[in-house]
Amino acid sequence: MSAPLIKLSDLAIGASAIVRQFPPNGTAFVRLREMGLLAGTSVTVVRAAPLGDPLEIKVRGYHLTLRKADAAHVLVEPAS
């Protein structure tokens, strides 16, 4: 049985997950997909800015910074 899906923005610092659902449209989401954030991709939350926004994640071997509002639209399955 798979774990429940949570928002990428709710993933704890240092935690890893697999991207499962991704909004299909919008210019910001097209840009994120172009940078490698796709369904089935493994991501790790590296750190958050002092006030919690933006988030830095590691995806496909590089670090990507994204706003928490954008990360809230990406659903992930936490790695066990």
C-alpha atoms as a PDB file:
ATOM      1  CA  MET A   1       0.000   0.000   0.000  1.00  0.00           C
ATOM      2  CA  SER A   2       1.386   3.407  -0.927  1.00  0.00           C
ATOM      3  CA  ALA A   3       1.802   6.270   1.507  1.00  0.00           C
ATOM      4  CA  PRO A   4      -0.707   9.144   1.425  1.00  0.00           C
ATOM      5  CA  LEU A   5       0.212  12.057  -0.827  1.00  0.00           C
ATOM      6  CA  ILE A   6       1.291  15.324   0.753  1.00  0.00           C
ATOM      7  CA  LYS A   7       2.233  18.728  -0.599  1.00  0.00           C
ATOM      8  CA  LEU A   8       5.888  19.233  -1.458  1.00  0.00           C
ATOM      9  CA  SER A   9       5.722  22.406   0.655  1.00  0.00           C
ATOM     10  CA  ASP A  10       4.815  20.273   3.727  1.00  0.00           C
ATOM     11  CA  LEU A  11       7.754  17.877   3.366  1.00  0.00           C
ATOM     12  CA  ALA A  12      10.235  18.140   6.262  1.00  0.00           C
ATOM     13  CA  ILE A  13      13.767  19.428   5.728  1.00  0.00           C
ATOM     14  CA  GLY A  14      16.028  16.505   4.822  1.00  0.00           C
ATOM     15  CA  ALA A  15      13.103  14.305   3.789  1.00  0.00           C
ATOM     16  CA  SER A  16      12.880  12.649   0.385  1.00  0.00           C
ATOM     17  CA  ALA A  17       9.827  11.874  -1.708  1.00  0.00           C
ATOM     18  CA  ILE A  18       8.659  10.917  -5.177  1.00  0.00           C
ATOM     19  CA  VAL A  19       6.632  13.425  -7.211  1.00  0.00           C
ATOM     20  CA  ARG A  20       3.233  11.845  -7.939  1.00  0.00           C
ATOM     21  CA  GLN A  21       0.856  14.599  -9.074  1.00  0.00           C
ATOM     22  CA  PHE A  22       1.658  17.793 -10.870  1.00  0.00           C
ATOM     23  CA  PRO A  23      -0.689  20.496 -12.178  1.00  0.00           C
ATOM     24  CA  PRO A  24      -1.011  20.086 -15.955  1.00  0.00           C
ATOM     25  CA  ASN A  25      -0.992  23.766 -16.913  1.00  0.00           C
ATOM     26  CA  GLY A  26       0.267  27.249 -16.103  1.00  0.00           C
ATOM     27  CA  THR A  27       3.504  28.946 -17.108  1.00  0.00           C
ATOM     28  CA  ALA A  28       5.190  28.401 -13.732  1.00  0.00           C
ATOM     29  CA  PHE A  29       4.491  24.680 -13.909  1.00  0.00           C
ATOM     30  CA  VAL A  30       5.725  24.393 -17.478  1.00  0.00           C
ATOM     31  CA  ARG A  31       8.962  26.011 -16.297  1.00  0.00           C
ATOM     32  CA  LEU A  32       9.275  23.585 -13.358  1.00  0.00           C
ATOM     33  CA  ARG A  33       8.749  20.601 -15.663  1.00  0.00           C
ATOM     34  CA  GLU A  34      11.417  21.955 -18.010  1.00  0.00           C
ATOM     35  CA  MET A  35      13.803  22.025 -15.041  1.00  0.00           C
ATOM     36  CA  GLY A  36      13.198  18.320 -14.353  1.00  0.00           C
ATOM     37  CA  LEU A  37      10.428  18.303 -11.755  1.00  0.00           C
ATOM     38  CA  LEU A  38       8.267  15.539 -13.281  1.00  0.00           C
ATOM     39  CA  ALA A  39       5.949  12.832 -11.963  1.00  0.00           C
ATOM     40  CA  GLY A  40       8.051   9.895 -10.771  1.00  0.00           C
ATOM     41  CA  THR A  41      11.081  12.065  -9.983  1.00  0.00           C
ATOM     42  CA  SER A  42      12.793  11.766  -6.600  1.00  0.00           C
ATOM     43  CA  VAL A  43      13.215  15.024  -4.655  1.00  0.00           C
ATOM     44  CA  THR A  44      14.831  15.930  -1.332  1.00  0.00           C
ATOM     45  CA  VAL A  45      14.122  19.098   0.638  1.00  0.00           C
ATOM     46  CA  VAL A  46      17.553  20.578   1.386  1.00  0.00           C
ATOM     47  CA  ARG A  47      16.626  23.699   3.341  1.00  0.00           C
ATOM     48  CA  ALA A  48      14.233  26.596   3.683  1.00  0.00           C
ATOM     49  CA  ALA A  49      14.972  30.299   3.891  1.00  0.00           C
ATOM     50  CA  PRO A  50      14.920  31.803   7.417  1.00  0.00           C
ATOM     51  CA  LEU A  51      11.241  32.747   7.153  1.00  0.00           C
ATOM     52  CA  GLY A  52      10.343  29.416   5.518  1.00  0.00           C
ATOM     53  CA  ASP A  53      10.051  30.677   1.933  1.00  0.00           C
ATOM     54  CA  PRO A  54      11.518  29.810  -0.577  1.00  0.00           C
ATOM     55  CA  LEU A  55      12.437  26.131  -0.363  1.00  0.00           C
ATOM     56  CA  GLU A  56      15.570  24.570  -1.789  1.00  0.00           C
ATOM     57  CA  ILE A  57      15.126  21.055  -3.156  1.00  0.00           C
ATOM     58  CA  LYS A  58      17.509  18.618  -4.777  1.00  0.00           C
ATOM     59  CA  VAL A  59      16.157  17.137  -7.986  1.00  0.00           C
ATOM     60  CA  ARG A  60      18.058  15.145 -10.641  1.00  0.00           C
ATOM     61  CA  GLY A  61      21.432  15.975  -9.056  1.00  0.00           C
ATOM     62  CA  TYR A  62      21.059  19.745  -8.811  1.00  0.00           C
ATOM     63  CA  HIS A  63      19.531  22.226  -6.402  1.00  0.00           C
ATOM     64  CA  LEU A  64      16.354  24.099  -7.308  1.00  0.00           C
ATOM     65  CA  THR A  65      14.798  26.930  -5.343  1.00  0.00           C
ATOM     66  CA  LEU A  66      11.046  27.405  -5.536  1.00  0.00           C
ATOM     67  CA  ARG A  67       8.415  29.394  -3.763  1.00  0.00           C
ATOM     68  CA  LYS A  68       6.376  27.602  -1.142  1.00  0.00           C
ATOM     69  CA  ALA A  69       3.186  28.612  -2.995  1.00  0.00           C
ATOM     70  CA  ASP A  70       4.415  26.768  -6.108  1.00  0.00           C
ATOM     71  CA  ALA A  71       5.561  23.758  -4.061  1.00  0.00           C
ATOM     72  CA  ALA A  72       2.072  23.512  -2.509  1.00  0.00           C
ATOM     73  CA  HIS A  73       0.668  22.490  -5.924  1.00  0.00           C
ATOM     74  CA  VAL A  74       3.038  19.523  -6.285  1.00  0.00           C
ATOM     75  CA  LEU A  75       1.890  16.334  -4.514  1.00  0.00           C
ATOM     76  CA  VAL A  76       4.538  13.843  -3.402  1.00  0.00           C
ATOM     77  CA  GLU A  77       4.706  10.405  -1.835  1.00  0.00           C
ATOM     78  CA  PRO A  78       7.173  10.452   1.093  1.00  0.00           C
ATOM     79  CA  ALA A  79       9.973   7.889   0.811  1.00  0.00           C
ATOM     80  CA  SER A  80       9.929   5.261   3.525  1.00  0.00           C
END
